[in-house]
């Protein structure tokens, strides 16, 4: 009997990741390799637990952490951390609780500043080399100033896109000489999300070698 697809599991668990966003069109490209491994993952923003139910079936051997600022939320078979992405001290709390993960997904506030700050912290401190980090619902980066997102009001500061649109310089540090302190391997812009991978050990060596055409720079 073949494994169920992400689409099939997502429809069964009724998560809008699938029935609305159809993230299954591209997530498996990055996540299928983890499927039957004993990985650790964390989802920020679990709401009614439908998406973590999908992850639990899709990653049957995974240790799964869920993060939400609603202290009434509990999800079966999931370690739920009650924390607020907008608070630096709570993000530090998440770092201490989850350790090192293979996969982190941010479906929390959707607020650009908090998405960006959380990424910088968790990608650096909490994601394993070779891991995957996904930021969902980047649509709010396009909304007009003054719009309310879960109680947070949008202003002109939109650091998320500013950072990732320049990441090609970090990824190509062999030629640009820009320091890629986060060890970002790839950045993929997809519909309503950004998918970022972290360099594995082999990539860390390859990308820091001396450039053979140095004299042309």
C-alpha atoms as a PDB file:
ATOM      1  CA  UNK A   1       0.000   0.000   0.000  1.00  0.00           C
ATOM      2  CA  UNK A   2       1.506   3.334  -1.064  1.00  0.00           C
ATOM      3  CA  UNK A   3       1.851   6.283   1.271  1.00  0.00           C
ATOM      4  CA  UNK A   4      -0.802   8.955   1.126  1.00  0.00           C
ATOM      5  CA  UNK A   5       0.219  12.206  -0.517  1.00  0.00           C
ATOM      6  CA  UNK A   6       0.418  15.498   1.342  1.00  0.00           C
ATOM      7  CA  UNK A   7      -2.702  16.548  -0.547  1.00  0.00           C
ATOM      8  CA  UNK A   8      -4.675  13.498   0.616  1.00  0.00           C
ATOM      9  CA  UNK A   9      -3.579  13.904   4.217  1.00  0.00           C
ATOM     10  CA  UNK A  10      -4.239  17.644   4.225  1.00  0.00           C
ATOM     11  CA  UNK A  11      -7.748  17.240   2.846  1.00  0.00           C
ATOM     12  CA  UNK A  12      -8.493  14.581   5.457  1.00  0.00           C
ATOM     13  CA  UNK A  13      -7.255  16.776   8.322  1.00  0.00           C
ATOM     14  CA  UNK A  14      -9.033  19.817   6.844  1.00  0.00           C
ATOM     15  CA  UNK A  15      -6.073  22.193   6.921  1.00  0.00           C
ATOM     16  CA  UNK A  16      -6.259  25.331   4.786  1.00  0.00           C
ATOM     17  CA  UNK A  17      -2.613  24.737   3.893  1.00  0.00           C
ATOM     18  CA  UNK A  18      -4.063  22.294   1.372  1.00  0.00           C
ATOM     19  CA  UNK A  19      -7.722  23.013   0.637  1.00  0.00           C
ATOM     20  CA  UNK A  20      -7.113  26.761   0.263  1.00  0.00           C
ATOM     21  CA  UNK A  21      -3.398  27.484  -0.306  1.00  0.00           C
ATOM     22  CA  UNK A  22      -2.502  24.209  -2.046  1.00  0.00           C
ATOM     23  CA  UNK A  23       1.017  24.326  -0.620  1.00  0.00           C
ATOM     24  CA  UNK A  24       1.219  20.627  -1.513  1.00  0.00           C
ATOM     25  CA  UNK A  25       2.119  21.788  -5.032  1.00  0.00           C
ATOM     26  CA  UNK A  26       5.693  22.457  -3.914  1.00  0.00           C
ATOM     27  CA  UNK A  27       6.261  21.565  -0.225  1.00  0.00           C
ATOM     28  CA  UNK A  28       7.000  17.884  -0.964  1.00  0.00           C
ATOM     29  CA  UNK A  29       9.921  18.952  -3.184  1.00  0.00           C
ATOM     30  CA  UNK A  30      11.648  20.124  -0.008  1.00  0.00           C
ATOM     31  CA  UNK A  31      10.092  17.859   2.636  1.00  0.00           C
ATOM     32  CA  UNK A  32       9.566  14.412   1.129  1.00  0.00           C
ATOM     33  CA  UNK A  33      13.126  13.363   2.023  1.00  0.00           C
ATOM     34  CA  UNK A  34      12.266  13.682   5.737  1.00  0.00           C
ATOM     35  CA  UNK A  35       9.137  11.552   5.530  1.00  0.00           C
ATOM     36  CA  UNK A  36      10.170   8.354   7.259  1.00  0.00           C
ATOM     37  CA  UNK A  37      13.055   9.728   9.275  1.00  0.00           C
ATOM     38  CA  UNK A  38      13.145  10.457  12.998  1.00  0.00           C
ATOM     39  CA  UNK A  39      13.184  14.205  12.593  1.00  0.00           C
ATOM     40  CA  UNK A  40      12.254  17.111  14.817  1.00  0.00           C
ATOM     41  CA  UNK A  41      10.007  19.903  13.548  1.00  0.00           C
ATOM     42  CA  UNK A  42       8.264  23.010  14.855  1.00  0.00           C
ATOM     43  CA  UNK A  43       5.224  24.886  13.605  1.00  0.00           C
ATOM     44  CA  UNK A  44       4.567  28.418  14.840  1.00  0.00           C
ATOM     45  CA  UNK A  45       0.843  29.108  14.917  1.00  0.00           C
ATOM     46  CA  UNK A  46      -1.178  25.925  15.423  1.00  0.00           C
ATOM     47  CA  UNK A  47      -4.652  27.464  15.944  1.00  0.00           C
ATOM     48  CA  UNK A  48      -7.080  24.506  15.796  1.00  0.00           C
ATOM     49  CA  UNK A  49      -4.383  21.819  15.347  1.00  0.00           C
ATOM     50  CA  UNK A  50      -5.486  20.828  11.823  1.00  0.00           C
ATOM     51  CA  UNK A  51      -2.093  21.472  10.249  1.00  0.00           C
ATOM     52  CA  UNK A  52      -0.128  19.658  12.957  1.00  0.00           C
ATOM     53  CA  UNK A  53      -2.446  16.683  12.465  1.00  0.00           C
ATOM     54  CA  UNK A  54      -1.302  16.685   8.856  1.00  0.00           C
ATOM     55  CA  UNK A  55       2.354  16.889   9.885  1.00  0.00           C
ATOM     56  CA  UNK A  56       1.897  14.053  12.353  1.00  0.00           C
ATOM     57  CA  UNK A  57       0.651  11.745   9.619  1.00  0.00           C
ATOM     58  CA  UNK A  58       3.044  13.014   6.961  1.00  0.00           C
ATOM     59  CA  UNK A  59       6.031  12.648   9.325  1.00  0.00           C
ATOM     60  CA  UNK A  60       5.039   9.581  11.396  1.00  0.00           C
ATOM     61  CA  UNK A  61       8.383   9.349  13.192  1.00  0.00           C
ATOM     62  CA  UNK A  62       8.759  13.065  13.903  1.00  0.00           C
ATOM     63  CA  UNK A  63       9.000  14.864  17.208  1.00  0.00           C
ATOM     64  CA  UNK A  64       6.644  17.814  16.673  1.00  0.00           C
ATOM     65  CA  UNK A  65       6.531  21.094  18.556  1.00  0.00           C
ATOM     66  CA  UNK A  66       3.683  23.548  18.113  1.00  0.00           C
ATOM     67  CA  UNK A  67       3.816  27.204  19.164  1.00  0.00           C
ATOM     68  CA  UNK A  68       0.819  29.425  19.844  1.00  0.00           C
ATOM     69  CA  UNK A  69       0.060  32.458  22.010  1.00  0.00           C
ATOM     70  CA  UNK A  70      -3.370  31.075  22.926  1.00  0.00           C
ATOM     71  CA  UNK A  71      -2.798  29.275  26.223  1.00  0.00           C
ATOM     72  CA  UNK A  72      -6.009  27.258  25.850  1.00  0.00           C
ATOM     73  CA  UNK A  73      -4.712  25.394  22.802  1.00  0.00           C
ATOM     74  CA  UNK A  74      -3.672  21.781  23.206  1.00  0.00           C
ATOM     75  CA  UNK A  75      -2.979  19.323  20.381  1.00  0.00           C
ATOM     76  CA  UNK A  76      -2.863  15.546  20.727  1.00  0.00           C
ATOM     77  CA  UNK A  77       0.596  13.972  20.568  1.00  0.00           C
ATOM     78  CA  UNK A  78       2.206  17.393  20.084  1.00  0.00           C
ATOM     79  CA  UNK A  79       4.309  19.442  22.496  1.00  0.00           C
ATOM     80  CA  UNK A  80       2.608  22.851  22.497  1.00  0.00           C
ATOM     81  CA  UNK A  81       4.672  25.837  23.622  1.00  0.00           C
ATOM     82  CA  UNK A  82       2.653  28.889  24.596  1.00  0.00           C
ATOM     83  CA  UNK A  83       4.615  31.859  23.290  1.00  0.00           C
ATOM     84  CA  UNK A  84       4.030  35.128  21.448  1.00  0.00           C
ATOM     85  CA  UNK A  85       6.095  35.670  18.303  1.00  0.00           C
ATOM     86  CA  UNK A  86       5.956  39.433  18.810  1.00  0.00           C
ATOM     87  CA  UNK A  87       7.930  39.224  22.064  1.00  0.00           C
ATOM     88  CA  UNK A  88      11.701  38.736  21.951  1.00  0.00           C
ATOM     89  CA  UNK A  89      11.716  36.912  25.272  1.00  0.00           C
ATOM     90  CA  UNK A  90       9.106  34.448  23.991  1.00  0.00           C
ATOM     91  CA  UNK A  91      11.141  33.757  20.845  1.00  0.00           C
ATOM     92  CA  UNK A  92      14.091  33.008  23.135  1.00  0.00           C
ATOM     93  CA  UNK A  93      11.795  30.657  25.037  1.00  0.00           C
ATOM     94  CA  UNK A  94      11.023  28.816  21.798  1.00  0.00           C
ATOM     95  CA  UNK A  95      14.740  28.483  21.033  1.00  0.00           C
ATOM     96  CA  UNK A  96      15.373  26.897  24.430  1.00  0.00           C
ATOM     97  CA  UNK A  97      12.398  24.528  24.189  1.00  0.00           C
ATOM     98  CA  UNK A  98      12.751  23.098  20.682  1.00  0.00           C
ATOM     99  CA  UNK A  99      16.496  22.515  20.456  1.00  0.00           C
ATOM    100  CA  UNK A 100      17.633  21.778  16.889  1.00  0.00           C
ATOM    101  CA  UNK A 101      14.973  21.013  14.270  1.00  0.00           C
ATOM    102  CA  UNK A 102      15.096  19.656  10.734  1.00  0.00           C
ATOM    103  CA  UNK A 103      12.042  21.647   9.688  1.00  0.00           C
ATOM    104  CA  UNK A 104      10.524  24.886  10.995  1.00  0.00           C
ATOM    105  CA  UNK A 105       7.408  26.532   9.595  1.00  0.00           C
ATOM    106  CA  UNK A 106       6.080  29.969  10.519  1.00  0.00           C
ATOM    107  CA  UNK A 107       2.290  30.279  10.291  1.00  0.00           C
ATOM    108  CA  UNK A 108       1.954  32.624  13.266  1.00  0.00           C
ATOM    109  CA  UNK A 109       1.259  36.391  13.186  1.00  0.00           C
ATOM    110  CA  UNK A 110       1.872  36.921   9.422  1.00  0.00           C
ATOM    111  CA  UNK A 111       3.289  40.299  10.504  1.00  0.00           C
ATOM    112  CA  UNK A 112       6.372  41.168   8.371  1.00  0.00           C
ATOM    113  CA  UNK A 113       8.604  42.464  11.180  1.00  0.00           C
ATOM    114  CA  UNK A 114       7.908  39.445  13.388  1.00  0.00           C
ATOM    115  CA  UNK A 115       8.298  36.985  10.524  1.00  0.00           C
ATOM    116  CA  UNK A 116      11.694  38.506   9.798  1.00  0.00           C
ATOM    117  CA  UNK A 117      12.943  38.677  13.397  1.00  0.00           C
ATOM    118  CA  UNK A 118      11.759  35.146  14.126  1.00  0.00           C
ATOM    119  CA  UNK A 119      13.463  33.843  11.010  1.00  0.00           C
ATOM    120  CA  UNK A 120      16.801  35.430  11.929  1.00  0.00           C
ATOM    121  CA  UNK A 121      16.700  33.859  15.381  1.00  0.00           C
ATOM    122  CA  UNK A 122      15.288  30.393  14.663  1.00  0.00           C
ATOM    123  CA  UNK A 123      17.087  29.784  11.377  1.00  0.00           C
ATOM    124  CA  UNK A 124      20.365  30.560  13.106  1.00  0.00           C
ATOM    125  CA  UNK A 125      19.826  28.927  16.490  1.00  0.00           C
ATOM    126  CA  UNK A 126      17.190  26.234  15.988  1.00  0.00           C
ATOM    127  CA  UNK A 127      17.517  24.839  12.451  1.00  0.00           C
ATOM    128  CA  UNK A 128      19.915  21.997  11.692  1.00  0.00           C
ATOM    129  CA  UNK A 129      22.308  22.205   8.758  1.00  0.00           C
ATOM    130  CA  UNK A 130      20.491  20.749   5.763  1.00  0.00           C
ATOM    131  CA  UNK A 131      17.157  21.811   7.257  1.00  0.00           C
ATOM    132  CA  UNK A 132      14.159  23.623   5.775  1.00  0.00           C
ATOM    133  CA  UNK A 133      12.465  26.822   7.002  1.00  0.00           C
ATOM    134  CA  UNK A 134       9.144  27.987   5.533  1.00  0.00           C
ATOM    135  CA  UNK A 135       7.480  31.370   6.053  1.00  0.00           C
ATOM    136  CA  UNK A 136       3.805  31.203   5.129  1.00  0.00           C
ATOM    137  CA  UNK A 137       1.223  33.898   4.373  1.00  0.00           C
ATOM    138  CA  UNK A 138       3.609  36.491   3.017  1.00  0.00           C
ATOM    139  CA  UNK A 139       0.529  38.104   1.415  1.00  0.00           C
ATOM    140  CA  UNK A 140       0.379  40.505   4.348  1.00  0.00           C
ATOM    141  CA  UNK A 141       3.609  42.108   3.139  1.00  0.00           C
ATOM    142  CA  UNK A 142       1.507  43.508   0.279  1.00  0.00           C
ATOM    143  CA  UNK A 143      -1.291  44.924   2.425  1.00  0.00           C
ATOM    144  CA  UNK A 144      -1.679  48.671   2.879  1.00  0.00           C
ATOM    145  CA  UNK A 145      -0.391  50.521   5.936  1.00  0.00           C
ATOM    146  CA  UNK A 146      -2.854  50.684   8.804  1.00  0.00           C
ATOM    147  CA  UNK A 147      -4.300  47.238   8.097  1.00  0.00           C
ATOM    148  CA  UNK A 148      -4.842  45.126  11.206  1.00  0.00           C
ATOM    149  CA  UNK A 149      -3.411  41.593  11.363  1.00  0.00           C
ATOM    150  CA  UNK A 150      -4.434  39.712  14.514  1.00  0.00           C
ATOM    151  CA  UNK A 151      -4.184  42.926  16.510  1.00  0.00           C
ATOM    152  CA  UNK A 152      -0.934  44.133  14.906  1.00  0.00           C
ATOM    153  CA  UNK A 153      -1.163  47.201  12.668  1.00  0.00           C
ATOM    154  CA  UNK A 154       0.938  47.293   9.501  1.00  0.00           C
ATOM    155  CA  UNK A 155       3.344  50.178   9.024  1.00  0.00           C
ATOM    156  CA  UNK A 156       5.875  51.068   6.343  1.00  0.00           C
ATOM    157  CA  UNK A 157       8.568  48.736   7.671  1.00  0.00           C
ATOM    158  CA  UNK A 158       8.615  45.591   5.505  1.00  0.00           C
ATOM    159  CA  UNK A 159      12.018  43.976   6.212  1.00  0.00           C
ATOM    160  CA  UNK A 160      11.138  40.472   5.043  1.00  0.00           C
ATOM    161  CA  UNK A 161      11.208  41.126   1.303  1.00  0.00           C
ATOM    162  CA  UNK A 162      14.073  43.604   1.583  1.00  0.00           C
ATOM    163  CA  UNK A 163      16.209  40.867   3.109  1.00  0.00           C
ATOM    164  CA  UNK A 164      15.321  37.922   0.886  1.00  0.00           C
ATOM    165  CA  UNK A 165      15.448  39.857  -2.372  1.00  0.00           C
ATOM    166  CA  UNK A 166      19.141  40.519  -1.641  1.00  0.00           C
ATOM    167  CA  UNK A 167      19.983  36.993  -0.512  1.00  0.00           C
ATOM    168  CA  UNK A 168      21.522  36.086  -3.858  1.00  0.00           C
ATOM    169  CA  UNK A 169      24.585  38.044  -2.710  1.00  0.00           C
ATOM    170  CA  UNK A 170      24.899  35.905   0.424  1.00  0.00           C
ATOM    171  CA  UNK A 171      24.265  32.614  -1.328  1.00  0.00           C
ATOM    172  CA  UNK A 172      26.964  33.482  -3.878  1.00  0.00           C
ATOM    173  CA  UNK A 173      29.543  34.574  -1.333  1.00  0.00           C
ATOM    174  CA  UNK A 174      32.316  32.827  -3.285  1.00  0.00           C
ATOM    175  CA  UNK A 175      32.028  35.665  -5.797  1.00  0.00           C
ATOM    176  CA  UNK A 176      30.532  38.550  -3.805  1.00  0.00           C
ATOM    177  CA  UNK A 177      32.658  38.082  -0.650  1.00  0.00           C
ATOM    178  CA  UNK A 178      29.553  38.832   1.404  1.00  0.00           C
ATOM    179  CA  UNK A 179      29.530  36.896   4.675  1.00  0.00           C
ATOM    180  CA  UNK A 180      26.672  34.388   4.776  1.00  0.00           C
ATOM    181  CA  UNK A 181      26.534  34.084   8.557  1.00  0.00           C
ATOM    182  CA  UNK A 182      23.202  32.257   8.480  1.00  0.00           C
ATOM    183  CA  UNK A 183      24.531  29.621   6.057  1.00  0.00           C
ATOM    184  CA  UNK A 184      21.553  30.088   3.724  1.00  0.00           C
ATOM    185  CA  UNK A 185      21.704  27.582   0.855  1.00  0.00           C
ATOM    186  CA  UNK A 186      18.628  28.416  -1.220  1.00  0.00           C
ATOM    187  CA  UNK A 187      15.695  30.836  -1.203  1.00  0.00           C
ATOM    188  CA  UNK A 188      12.546  29.894  -3.102  1.00  0.00           C
ATOM    189  CA  UNK A 189       9.682  32.345  -3.585  1.00  0.00           C
ATOM    190  CA  UNK A 190       6.466  30.427  -4.104  1.00  0.00           C
ATOM    191  CA  UNK A 191       2.818  31.437  -4.000  1.00  0.00           C
ATOM    192  CA  UNK A 192       2.240  33.070  -0.590  1.00  0.00           C
ATOM    193  CA  UNK A 193       5.363  31.623   1.029  1.00  0.00           C
ATOM    194  CA  UNK A 194       9.142  31.691   1.101  1.00  0.00           C
ATOM    195  CA  UNK A 195      11.070  28.423   1.455  1.00  0.00           C
ATOM    196  CA  UNK A 196      14.636  28.665   2.740  1.00  0.00           C
ATOM    197  CA  UNK A 197      17.137  25.837   3.100  1.00  0.00           C
ATOM    198  CA  UNK A 198      20.239  25.804   5.279  1.00  0.00           C
ATOM    199  CA  UNK A 199      23.588  24.614   3.973  1.00  0.00           C
ATOM    200  CA  UNK A 200      24.613  21.102   4.842  1.00  0.00           C
ATOM    201  CA  UNK A 201      28.207  20.329   5.763  1.00  0.00           C
ATOM    202  CA  UNK A 202      29.270  19.646   2.168  1.00  0.00           C
ATOM    203  CA  UNK A 203      27.795  22.931   0.957  1.00  0.00           C
ATOM    204  CA  UNK A 204      29.550  24.839   3.716  1.00  0.00           C
ATOM    205  CA  UNK A 205      32.878  23.669   2.302  1.00  0.00           C
ATOM    206  CA  UNK A 206      31.976  24.105  -1.378  1.00  0.00           C
ATOM    207  CA  UNK A 207      30.663  27.650  -0.992  1.00  0.00           C
ATOM    208  CA  UNK A 208      33.679  28.918   0.947  1.00  0.00           C
ATOM    209  CA  UNK A 209      36.408  27.719  -1.390  1.00  0.00           C
ATOM    210  CA  UNK A 210      38.680  30.186  -3.171  1.00  0.00           C
ATOM    211  CA  UNK A 211      37.203  31.398  -6.438  1.00  0.00           C
ATOM    212  CA  UNK A 212      39.173  30.114  -9.426  1.00  0.00           C
ATOM    213  CA  UNK A 213      38.570  33.311 -11.436  1.00  0.00           C
ATOM    214  CA  UNK A 214      39.405  35.645  -8.563  1.00  0.00           C
ATOM    215  CA  UNK A 215      41.354  37.991 -10.863  1.00  0.00           C
ATOM    216  CA  UNK A 216      38.177  38.771 -12.811  1.00  0.00           C
ATOM    217  CA  UNK A 217      36.356  40.201  -9.841  1.00  0.00           C
END
